[in-house]
Amino acid sequence: MKFFSFVMVGALALLAACNQSQPSAAPAPPTAPPSASALPYLTNAQPRLQTIKLYVGPETLATELALTPQQMATGMMWRTNMPNGEAMLFAFSQPHRVSFYMKNTRVPLSAAYIDPSGVIQEIHDLHPHKEEPVEASSDNIQFVLEVPQGWFKRRNISTGAVVRTQFGEMKRSFTFSPTR
């Protein structure tokens, strides 16, 4: 547990320094083609990320943690499926108005925008390759949970549902270093 907390704090400190609000967003078009290493995201599907159990209402999800700026920017890009019962969680250092879109993403997803207390504030369906950002209506979103599209609806989970981790409350499961 202490090792997990240490690793989590380190990874989230890197994330805090980035303060990125569009995980799958592409950078502004450059004048010359960038090298693959200059992109904020990978140019292929990223390997499976570290996982944590999330509890969404009565449901349990094996959830990959997108914690570094590159993991967050890449997200589900280029992956061909997301198995039922699995998810990806994006944990931001501070609550803000998030915005997600589906650049290079083949899998239809639903995204829950979650406040610092772990309460789902909004649920949005995200469509493959659609690059128009889906912006939160609140500036108090700290976590985004992506699942296979329709997962929330099929399980009658809606706004107001509480999300917890295997370690307890969301705000206690993730610690962030103060930004300077």
Foldseek 3Di string as FASTA:
>chain_A
DVVVQVVQQVLQQQQQVVQDQEQQAWDDDDPDDDDQVPTQEHPAADPQADWFWKQWPNAIATEHEQRHSHSSNHPQAHPDDADARYKYKYFHQFQFWHKYAAANHQFWKKKFFAALQQFGAAIGTYHHNDNDIDIDPDSRGGMMMIDHPCNCVVVVGGGGIGMATPVGTNNVVHHYDDDD
